[in-house]
Every structure is written in C-alpha cells, then in structure tokens.
Amino acid sequence: MAFHQQYVGIEQPAIGQLIRELRQTLKLTQEKFAVHLGVSFPTINRWENGYATPSPLALKQIEVLLNQLSESSDATVRERCQSMRRKYFV
C-alpha cells in the first residue's frame, strides 16, 4: 500500500488531515500522539497545520499504525481506519 504516489507529491493538507483524523480517532492529544510515533509535540503540530511534511519513514509508521488499527476489535476505530486507508492510501 502506498500513500498517494508513494508519499511523493502529495498535497500537505491531505497529510495533515490524515494525521489529525487518525489522532482524533485514537482520542489522543497531539502530545500523546507524538509520544506514540516517537516525535515531538511541535512536530505533530507542524504536520497537522501544514508547516512541515513527515519524512517517508514517519509516513510509513503512520501507514503501519493504520493497517494495525484497521483490524481493531473496536468497531468504530476499525471502520474509521479502514475509511482512512481507502481515502489516503492507494
């Protein structure tokens, strides 16, 4: 699975929207989501607000997380993550 055009050339607003949607689905603050991904709070904030773009490695981590959550026992989380996979990944 690849993020639109394998992470290259994707519009920043789409990346920020994906990160925000995923974080909110998990009911995490930016601070807690940053810890989960191993980045700083300002990094998550910049990604969500379009001031920076995640590295290919960070995007791969997000993709792996989405794949795992798409099989969650929590139906709401599972459905939202499956929807995000269809929306953002080809």
PDB file of N, CA and C in Angstrom:
ATOM      1  N   MET A   1       0.844  -1.176   0.000  1.00  0.00           N
ATOM      2  CA  MET A   1       0.000   0.000   0.000  1.00  0.00           C
ATOM      3  C   MET A   1       0.887   1.236   0.000  1.00  0.00           C
ATOM      4  N   ALA A   2       0.504   2.237  -0.724  1.00  0.00           N
ATOM      5  CA  ALA A   2       1.335   3.434  -0.790  1.00  0.00           C
ATOM      6  C   ALA A   2       0.477   4.668  -0.616  1.00  0.00           C
ATOM      7  N   PHE A   3       1.014   5.626   0.088  1.00  0.00           N
ATOM      8  CA  PHE A   3       0.343   6.908   0.220  1.00  0.00           C
ATOM      9  C   PHE A   3       0.342   7.503  -1.170  1.00  0.00           C
ATOM     10  N   HIS A   4      -0.680   8.229  -1.527  1.00  0.00           N
ATOM     11  CA  HIS A   4      -0.792   8.780  -2.876  1.00  0.00           C
ATOM     12  C   HIS A   4       0.583   8.975  -3.503  1.00  0.00           C
ATOM     13  N   GLN A   5       0.829   8.275  -4.580  1.00  0.00           N
ATOM     14  CA  GLN A   5       2.082   8.367  -5.330  1.00  0.00           C
ATOM     15  C   GLN A   5       3.288   8.064  -4.445  1.00  0.00           C
ATOM     16  N   GLN A   6       3.138   7.064  -3.586  1.00  0.00           N
ATOM     17  CA  GLN A   6       4.208   6.607  -2.707  1.00  0.00           C
ATOM     18  C   GLN A   6       4.820   7.750  -1.909  1.00  0.00           C
ATOM     19  N   TYR A   7       4.003   8.532  -1.302  1.00  0.00           N
ATOM     20  CA  TYR A   7       4.390   9.634  -0.420  1.00  0.00           C
ATOM     21  C   TYR A   7       4.970  10.835  -1.152  1.00  0.00           C
ATOM     22  N   VAL A   8       5.151  10.764  -2.451  1.00  0.00           N
ATOM     23  CA  VAL A   8       5.796  11.847  -3.189  1.00  0.00           C
ATOM     24  C   VAL A   8       4.737  12.688  -3.874  1.00  0.00           C
ATOM     25  N   GLY A   9       4.841  13.975  -3.736  1.00  0.00           N
ATOM     26  CA  GLY A   9       3.957  14.874  -4.442  1.00  0.00           C
ATOM     27  C   GLY A   9       2.571  15.009  -3.834  1.00  0.00           C
ATOM     28  N   ILE A  10       2.335  14.391  -2.698  1.00  0.00           N
ATOM     29  CA  ILE A  10       1.021  14.528  -2.067  1.00  0.00           C
ATOM     30  C   ILE A  10       0.898  15.922  -1.481  1.00  0.00           C
ATOM     31  N   GLU A  11      -0.276  16.425  -1.541  1.00  0.00           N
ATOM     32  CA  GLU A  11      -0.539  17.761  -1.010  1.00  0.00           C
ATOM     33  C   GLU A  11      -0.438  17.735   0.517  1.00  0.00           C
ATOM     34  N   GLN A  12       0.222  18.711   1.075  1.00  0.00           N
ATOM     35  CA  GLN A  12       0.402  18.791   2.519  1.00  0.00           C
ATOM     36  C   GLN A  12      -0.926  18.788   3.275  1.00  0.00           C
ATOM     37  N   PRO A  13      -1.961  19.491   2.814  1.00  0.00           N
ATOM     38  CA  PRO A  13      -3.208  19.453   3.581  1.00  0.00           C
ATOM     39  C   PRO A  13      -3.748  18.037   3.766  1.00  0.00           C
ATOM     40  N   ALA A  14      -3.550  17.161   2.776  1.00  0.00           N
ATOM     41  CA  ALA A  14      -4.032  15.786   2.902  1.00  0.00           C
ATOM     42  C   ALA A  14      -3.261  15.040   3.982  1.00  0.00           C
ATOM     43  N   ILE A  15      -1.967  15.250   4.055  1.00  0.00           N
ATOM     44  CA  ILE A  15      -1.161  14.597   5.084  1.00  0.00           C
ATOM     45  C   ILE A  15      -1.581  15.099   6.463  1.00  0.00           C
ATOM     46  N   GLY A  16      -1.714  16.398   6.600  1.00  0.00           N
ATOM     47  CA  GLY A  16      -2.136  16.972   7.872  1.00  0.00           C
ATOM     48  C   GLY A  16      -3.507  16.487   8.289  1.00  0.00           C
ATOM     49  N   GLN A  17      -4.404  16.378   7.324  1.00  0.00           N
ATOM     50  CA  GLN A  17      -5.756  15.905   7.614  1.00  0.00           C
ATOM     51  C   GLN A  17      -5.724  14.447   8.060  1.00  0.00           C
ATOM     52  N   LEU A  18      -4.934  13.622   7.394  1.00  0.00           N
ATOM     53  CA  LEU A  18      -4.797  12.215   7.782  1.00  0.00           C
ATOM     54  C   LEU A  18      -4.294  12.106   9.217  1.00  0.00           C
ATOM     55  N   ILE A  19      -3.249  12.842   9.534  1.00  0.00           N
ATOM     56  CA  ILE A  19      -2.660  12.770  10.874  1.00  0.00           C
ATOM     57  C   ILE A  19      -3.665  13.224  11.924  1.00  0.00           C
ATOM     58  N   ARG A  20      -4.375  14.304  11.651  1.00  0.00           N
ATOM     59  CA  ARG A  20      -5.380  14.797  12.598  1.00  0.00           C
ATOM     60  C   ARG A  20      -6.513  13.780  12.765  1.00  0.00           C
ATOM     61  N   GLU A  21      -7.008  13.238  11.651  1.00  0.00           N
ATOM     62  CA  GLU A  21      -8.094  12.248  11.724  1.00  0.00           C
ATOM     63  C   GLU A  21      -7.676  11.030  12.530  1.00  0.00           C
ATOM     64  N   LEU A  22      -6.483  10.537  12.268  1.00  0.00           N
ATOM     65  CA  LEU A  22      -6.003   9.351  12.977  1.00  0.00           C
ATOM     66  C   LEU A  22      -5.856   9.645  14.463  1.00  0.00           C
ATOM     67  N   ARG A  23      -5.258  10.763  14.779  1.00  0.00           N
ATOM     68  CA  ARG A  23      -5.070  11.139  16.191  1.00  0.00           C
ATOM     69  C   ARG A  23      -6.407  11.273  16.906  1.00  0.00           C
ATOM     70  N   GLN A  24      -7.373  11.914  16.256  1.00  0.00           N
ATOM     71  CA  GLN A  24      -8.680  12.098  16.878  1.00  0.00           C
ATOM     72  C   GLN A  24      -9.439  10.779  17.002  1.00  0.00           C
ATOM     73  N   THR A  25      -9.268   9.897  16.037  1.00  0.00           N
ATOM     74  CA  THR A  25      -9.889   8.576  16.120  1.00  0.00           C
ATOM     75  C   THR A  25      -9.380   7.831  17.347  1.00  0.00           C
ATOM     76  N   LEU A  26      -8.098   7.997  17.633  1.00  0.00           N
ATOM     77  CA  LEU A  26      -7.487   7.343  18.793  1.00  0.00           C
ATOM     78  C   LEU A  26      -7.745   8.104  20.092  1.00  0.00           C
ATOM     79  N   LYS A  27      -8.391   9.263  19.979  1.00  0.00           N
ATOM     80  CA  LYS A  27      -8.706  10.116  21.128  1.00  0.00           C
ATOM     81  C   LYS A  27      -7.443  10.506  21.898  1.00  0.00           C
ATOM     82  N   LEU A  28      -6.425  10.884  21.124  1.00  0.00           N
ATOM     83  CA  LEU A  28      -5.155  11.298  21.711  1.00  0.00           C
ATOM     84  C   LEU A  28      -4.921  12.784  21.484  1.00  0.00           C
ATOM     85  N   THR A  29      -4.245  13.399  22.434  1.00  0.00           N
ATOM     86  CA  THR A  29      -3.798  14.774  22.237  1.00  0.00           C
ATOM     87  C   THR A  29      -2.615  14.741  21.273  1.00  0.00           C
ATOM     88  N   GLN A  30      -2.240  15.904  20.782  1.00  0.00           N
ATOM     89  CA  GLN A  30      -1.051  15.961  19.934  1.00  0.00           C
ATOM     90  C   GLN A  30       0.171  15.476  20.708  1.00  0.00           C
ATOM     91  N   GLU A  31       0.239  15.810  21.978  1.00  0.00           N
ATOM     92  CA  GLU A  31       1.372  15.402  22.805  1.00  0.00           C
ATOM     93  C   GLU A  31       1.460  13.880  22.908  1.00  0.00           C
ATOM     94  N   LYS A  32       0.327  13.234  23.192  1.00  0.00           N
ATOM     95  CA  LYS A  32       0.332  11.774  23.351  1.00  0.00           C
ATOM     96  C   LYS A  32       0.559  11.067  22.017  1.00  0.00           C
ATOM     97  N   PHE A  33       0.018  11.617  20.953  1.00  0.00           N
ATOM     98  CA  PHE A  33       0.236  11.018  19.636  1.00  0.00           C
ATOM     99  C   PHE A  33       1.708  11.140  19.246  1.00  0.00           C
ATOM    100  N   ALA A  34       2.321  12.262  19.593  1.00  0.00           N
ATOM    101  CA  ALA A  34       3.748  12.460  19.311  1.00  0.00           C
ATOM    102  C   ALA A  34       4.581  11.394  20.015  1.00  0.00           C
ATOM    103  N   VAL A  35       4.272  11.129  21.270  1.00  0.00           N
ATOM    104  CA  VAL A  35       4.994  10.096  22.019  1.00  0.00           C
ATOM    105  C   VAL A  35       4.806   8.742  21.338  1.00  0.00           C
ATOM    106  N   HIS A  36       3.588   8.459  20.912  1.00  0.00           N
ATOM    107  CA  HIS A  36       3.290   7.180  20.250  1.00  0.00           C
ATOM    108  C   HIS A  36       4.125   6.997  18.982  1.00  0.00           C
ATOM    109  N   LEU A  37       4.335   8.076  18.239  1.00  0.00           N
ATOM    110  CA  LEU A  37       5.114   7.998  16.999  1.00  0.00           C
ATOM    111  C   LEU A  37       6.610   8.236  17.209  1.00  0.00           C
ATOM    112  N   GLY A  38       6.982   8.652  18.405  1.00  0.00           N
ATOM    113  CA  GLY A  38       8.397   8.899  18.677  1.00  0.00           C
ATOM    114  C   GLY A  38       8.908  10.211  18.111  1.00  0.00           C
ATOM    115  N   VAL A  39       8.016  11.197  18.048  1.00  0.00           N
ATOM    116  CA  VAL A  39       8.402  12.534  17.588  1.00  0.00           C
ATOM    117  C   VAL A  39       7.980  13.540  18.654  1.00  0.00           C
ATOM    118  N   SER A  40       8.317  14.800  18.457  1.00  0.00           N
ATOM    119  CA  SER A  40       7.962  15.823  19.438  1.00  0.00           C
ATOM    120  C   SER A  40       6.565  16.380  19.162  1.00  0.00           C
ATOM    121  N   PHE A  41       5.987  16.978  20.198  1.00  0.00           N
ATOM    122  CA  PHE A  41       4.690  17.633  20.048  1.00  0.00           C
ATOM    123  C   PHE A  41       4.712  18.689  18.944  1.00  0.00           C
ATOM    124  N   PRO A  42       5.747  19.574  18.907  1.00  0.00           N
ATOM    125  CA  PRO A  42       5.749  20.576  17.831  1.00  0.00           C
ATOM    126  C   PRO A  42       5.764  19.951  16.433  1.00  0.00           C
ATOM    127  N   THR A  43       6.371  18.780  16.314  1.00  0.00           N
ATOM    128  CA  THR A  43       6.404  18.108  15.015  1.00  0.00           C
ATOM    129  C   THR A  43       4.998  17.726  14.581  1.00  0.00           C
ATOM    130  N   ILE A  44       4.236  17.112  15.471  1.00  0.00           N
ATOM    131  CA  ILE A  44       2.850  16.738  15.151  1.00  0.00           C
ATOM    132  C   ILE A  44       2.057  17.989  14.812  1.00  0.00           C
ATOM    133  N   ASN A  45       2.236  19.027  15.602  1.00  0.00           N
ATOM    134  CA  ASN A  45       1.520  20.280  15.371  1.00  0.00           C
ATOM    135  C   ASN A  45       1.839  20.851  13.992  1.00  0.00           C
ATOM    136  N   ARG A  46       3.108  20.851  13.624  1.00  0.00           N
ATOM    137  CA  ARG A  46       3.509  21.377  12.307  1.00  0.00           C
ATOM    138  C   ARG A  46       2.951  20.518  11.179  1.00  0.00           C
ATOM    139  N   TRP A  47       2.953  19.203  11.355  1.00  0.00           N
ATOM    140  CA  TRP A  47       2.393  18.318  10.326  1.00  0.00           C
ATOM    141  C   TRP A  47       0.911  18.601  10.129  1.00  0.00           C
ATOM    142  N   GLU A  48       0.175  18.651  11.231  1.00  0.00           N
ATOM    143  CA  GLU A  48      -1.275  18.849  11.142  1.00  0.00           C
ATOM    144  C   GLU A  48      -1.634  20.199  10.541  1.00  0.00           C
ATOM    145  N   ASN A  49      -0.823  21.201  10.811  1.00  0.00           N
ATOM    146  CA  ASN A  49      -1.140  22.548  10.350  1.00  0.00           C
ATOM    147  C   ASN A  49      -0.452  22.936   9.049  1.00  0.00           C
ATOM    148  N   GLY A  50       0.229  21.974   8.437  1.00  0.00           N
ATOM    149  CA  GLY A  50       0.798  22.198   7.114  1.00  0.00           C
ATOM    150  C   GLY A  50       2.103  22.964   7.067  1.00  0.00           C
ATOM    151  N   TYR A  51       2.781  23.081   8.205  1.00  0.00           N
ATOM    152  CA  TYR A  51       4.048  23.813   8.221  1.00  0.00           C
ATOM    153  C   TYR A  51       5.252  22.916   7.961  1.00  0.00           C
ATOM    154  N   ALA A  52       5.035  21.612   8.012  1.00  0.00           N
ATOM    155  CA  ALA A  52       6.110  20.649   7.753  1.00  0.00           C
ATOM    156  C   ALA A  52       5.486  19.373   7.208  1.00  0.00           C
ATOM    157  N   THR A  53       6.312  18.580   6.556  1.00  0.00           N
ATOM    158  CA  THR A  53       5.864  17.321   5.980  1.00  0.00           C
ATOM    159  C   THR A  53       6.591  16.177   6.673  1.00  0.00           C
ATOM    160  N   PRO A  54       5.871  15.131   7.043  1.00  0.00           N
ATOM    161  CA  PRO A  54       6.540  13.982   7.660  1.00  0.00           C
ATOM    162  C   PRO A  54       7.538  13.342   6.696  1.00  0.00           C
ATOM    163  N   SER A  55       8.577  12.783   7.252  1.00  0.00           N
ATOM    164  CA  SER A  55       9.554  12.050   6.443  1.00  0.00           C
ATOM    165  C   SER A  55       8.896  10.779   5.901  1.00  0.00           C
ATOM    166  N   PRO A  56       9.477  10.188   4.875  1.00  0.00           N
ATOM    167  CA  PRO A  56       8.938   8.912   4.376  1.00  0.00           C
ATOM    168  C   PRO A  56       8.877   7.846   5.476  1.00  0.00           C
ATOM    169  N   LEU A  57       9.854   7.835   6.377  1.00  0.00           N
ATOM    170  CA  LEU A  57       9.840   6.873   7.475  1.00  0.00           C
ATOM    171  C   LEU A  57       8.651   7.117   8.404  1.00  0.00           C
ATOM    172  N   ALA A  58       8.391   8.370   8.737  1.00  0.00           N
ATOM    173  CA  ALA A  58       7.253   8.700   9.599  1.00  0.00           C
ATOM    174  C   ALA A  58       5.942   8.334   8.913  1.00  0.00           C
ATOM    175  N   LEU A  59       5.838   8.595   7.611  1.00  0.00           N
ATOM    176  CA  LEU A  59       4.628   8.220   6.879  1.00  0.00           C
ATOM    177  C   LEU A  59       4.446   6.709   6.862  1.00  0.00           C
ATOM    178  N   LYS A  60       5.527   5.980   6.766  1.00  0.00           N
ATOM    179  CA  LYS A  60       5.450   4.515   6.801  1.00  0.00           C
ATOM    180  C   LYS A  60       4.953   4.058   8.165  1.00  0.00           C
ATOM    181  N   GLN A  61       5.419   4.690   9.241  1.00  0.00           N
ATOM    182  CA  GLN A  61       4.950   4.361  10.590  1.00  0.00           C
ATOM    183  C   GLN A  61       3.444   4.600  10.703  1.00  0.00           C
ATOM    184  N   ILE A  62       2.983   5.698  10.133  1.00  0.00           N
ATOM    185  CA  ILE A  62       1.559   6.028  10.169  1.00  0.00           C
ATOM    186  C   ILE A  62       0.773   4.989   9.377  1.00  0.00           C
ATOM    187  N   GLU A  63       1.301   4.584   8.234  1.00  0.00           N
ATOM    188  CA  GLU A  63       0.641   3.560   7.418  1.00  0.00           C
ATOM    189  C   GLU A  63       0.548   2.235   8.182  1.00  0.00           C
ATOM    190  N   VAL A  64       1.625   1.843   8.833  1.00  0.00           N
ATOM    191  CA  VAL A  64       1.632   0.601   9.614  1.00  0.00           C
ATOM    192  C   VAL A  64       0.606   0.685  10.743  1.00  0.00           C
ATOM    193  N   LEU A  65       0.560   1.814  11.430  1.00  0.00           N
ATOM    194  CA  LEU A  65      -0.409   2.015  12.502  1.00  0.00           C
ATOM    195  C   LEU A  65      -1.832   1.903  11.966  1.00  0.00           C
ATOM    196  N   LEU A  66      -2.099   2.539  10.837  1.00  0.00           N
ATOM    197  CA  LEU A  66      -3.432   2.447  10.224  1.00  0.00           C
ATOM    198  C   LEU A  66      -3.777   1.005   9.872  1.00  0.00           C
ATOM    199  N   ASN A  67      -2.831   0.273   9.330  1.00  0.00           N
ATOM    200  CA  ASN A  67      -3.068  -1.125   8.977  1.00  0.00           C
ATOM    201  C   ASN A  67      -3.409  -1.949  10.214  1.00  0.00           C
ATOM    202  N   GLN A  68      -2.684  -1.724  11.292  1.00  0.00           N
ATOM    203  CA  GLN A  68      -2.950  -2.448  12.536  1.00  0.00           C
ATOM    204  C   GLN A  68      -4.333  -2.100  13.082  1.00  0.00           C
ATOM    205  N   LEU A  69      -4.652  -0.815  13.082  1.00  0.00           N
ATOM    206  CA  LEU A  69      -5.929  -0.371  13.637  1.00  0.00           C
ATOM    207  C   LEU A  69      -7.113  -0.761  12.760  1.00  0.00           C
ATOM    208  N   SER A  70      -6.859  -1.044  11.493  1.00  0.00           N
ATOM    209  CA  SER A  70      -7.924  -1.473  10.588  1.00  0.00           C
ATOM    210  C   SER A  70      -8.433  -2.865  10.943  1.00  0.00           C
ATOM    211  N   GLU A  71      -7.743  -3.516  11.864  1.00  0.00           N
ATOM    212  CA  GLU A  71      -8.168  -4.830  12.335  1.00  0.00           C
ATOM    213  C   GLU A  71      -8.504  -4.789  13.826  1.00  0.00           C
ATOM    214  N   SER A  72      -8.742  -3.605  14.351  1.00  0.00           N
ATOM    215  CA  SER A  72      -9.042  -3.410  15.764  1.00  0.00           C
ATOM    216  C   SER A  72     -10.337  -4.117  16.156  1.00  0.00           C
ATOM    217  N   SER A  73     -10.405  -4.535  17.411  1.00  0.00           N
ATOM    218  CA  SER A  73     -11.643  -5.130  17.921  1.00  0.00           C
ATOM    219  C   SER A  73     -12.696  -4.053  18.183  1.00  0.00           C
ATOM    220  N   ASP A  74     -12.276  -2.804  18.284  1.00  0.00           N
ATOM    221  CA  ASP A  74     -13.199  -1.676  18.447  1.00  0.00           C
ATOM    222  C   ASP A  74     -13.761  -1.325  17.073  1.00  0.00           C
ATOM    223  N   ALA A  75     -15.051  -1.579  16.887  1.00  0.00           N
ATOM    224  CA  ALA A  75     -15.678  -1.402  15.569  1.00  0.00           C
ATOM    225  C   ALA A  75     -15.543   0.025  15.044  1.00  0.00           C
ATOM    226  N   THR A  76     -15.689   1.013  15.906  1.00  0.00           N
ATOM    227  CA  THR A  76     -15.598   2.405  15.464  1.00  0.00           C
ATOM    228  C   THR A  76     -14.196   2.723  14.957  1.00  0.00           C
ATOM    229  N   VAL A  77     -13.192   2.337  15.731  1.00  0.00           N
ATOM    230  CA  VAL A  77     -11.800   2.574  15.327  1.00  0.00           C
ATOM    231  C   VAL A  77     -11.513   1.825  14.033  1.00  0.00           C
ATOM    232  N   ARG A  78     -11.931   0.567  13.971  1.00  0.00           N
ATOM    233  CA  ARG A  78     -11.685  -0.254  12.783  1.00  0.00           C
ATOM    234  C   ARG A  78     -12.287   0.387  11.536  1.00  0.00           C
ATOM    235  N   GLU A  79     -13.548   0.796  11.616  1.00  0.00           N
ATOM    236  CA  GLU A  79     -14.229   1.387  10.459  1.00  0.00           C
ATOM    237  C   GLU A  79     -13.595   2.711  10.046  1.00  0.00           C
ATOM    238  N   ARG A  80     -13.263   3.547  11.007  1.00  0.00           N
ATOM    239  CA  ARG A  80     -12.637   4.834  10.671  1.00  0.00           C
ATOM    240  C   ARG A  80     -11.275   4.636  10.022  1.00  0.00           C
ATOM    241  N   CYS A  81     -10.502   3.703  10.557  1.00  0.00           N
ATOM    242  CA  CYS A  81      -9.163   3.458  10.000  1.00  0.00           C
ATOM    243  C   CYS A  81      -9.247   2.829   8.617  1.00  0.00           C
ATOM    244  N   GLN A  82     -10.205   1.946   8.407  1.00  0.00           N
ATOM    245  CA  GLN A  82     -10.389   1.377   7.071  1.00  0.00           C
ATOM    246  C   GLN A  82     -10.776   2.469   6.084  1.00  0.00           C
ATOM    247  N   SER A  83     -11.628   3.383   6.523  1.00  0.00           N
ATOM    248  CA  SER A  83     -12.026   4.507   5.677  1.00  0.00           C
ATOM    249  C   SER A  83     -10.828   5.399   5.345  1.00  0.00           C
ATOM    250  N   MET A  84      -9.982   5.670   6.336  1.00  0.00           N
ATOM    251  CA  MET A  84      -8.787   6.489   6.096  1.00  0.00           C
ATOM    252  C   MET A  84      -7.837   5.792   5.130  1.00  0.00           C
ATOM    253  N   ARG A  85      -7.699   4.486   5.258  1.00  0.00           N
ATOM    254  CA  ARG A  85      -6.830   3.745   4.328  1.00  0.00           C
ATOM    255  C   ARG A  85      -7.330   3.906   2.899  1.00  0.00           C
ATOM    256  N   ARG A  86      -8.641   3.781   2.713  1.00  0.00           N
ATOM    257  CA  ARG A  86      -9.208   3.933   1.361  1.00  0.00           C
ATOM    258  C   ARG A  86      -9.051   5.364   0.852  1.00  0.00           C
ATOM    259  N   LYS A  87      -9.186   6.318   1.746  1.00  0.00           N
ATOM    260  CA  LYS A  87      -9.144   7.724   1.359  1.00  0.00           C
ATOM    261  C   LYS A  87      -7.731   8.203   1.029  1.00  0.00           C
ATOM    262  N   TYR A  88      -6.749   7.784   1.826  1.00  0.00           N
ATOM    263  CA  TYR A  88      -5.404   8.341   1.697  1.00  0.00           C
ATOM    264  C   TYR A  88      -4.380   7.413   1.060  1.00  0.00           C
ATOM    265  N   PHE A  89      -4.643   6.125   1.081  1.00  0.00           N
ATOM    266  CA  PHE A  89      -3.677   5.169   0.539  1.00  0.00           C
ATOM    267  C   PHE A  89      -4.281   4.468  -0.663  1.00  0.00           C
ATOM    268  N   VAL A  90      -3.437   4.182  -1.643  1.00  0.00           N
ATOM    269  CA  VAL A  90      -3.909   3.513  -2.863  1.00  0.00           C
ATOM    270  C   VAL A  90      -3.404   2.093  -2.900  1.00  0.00           C
TER     271      VAL A  90
END
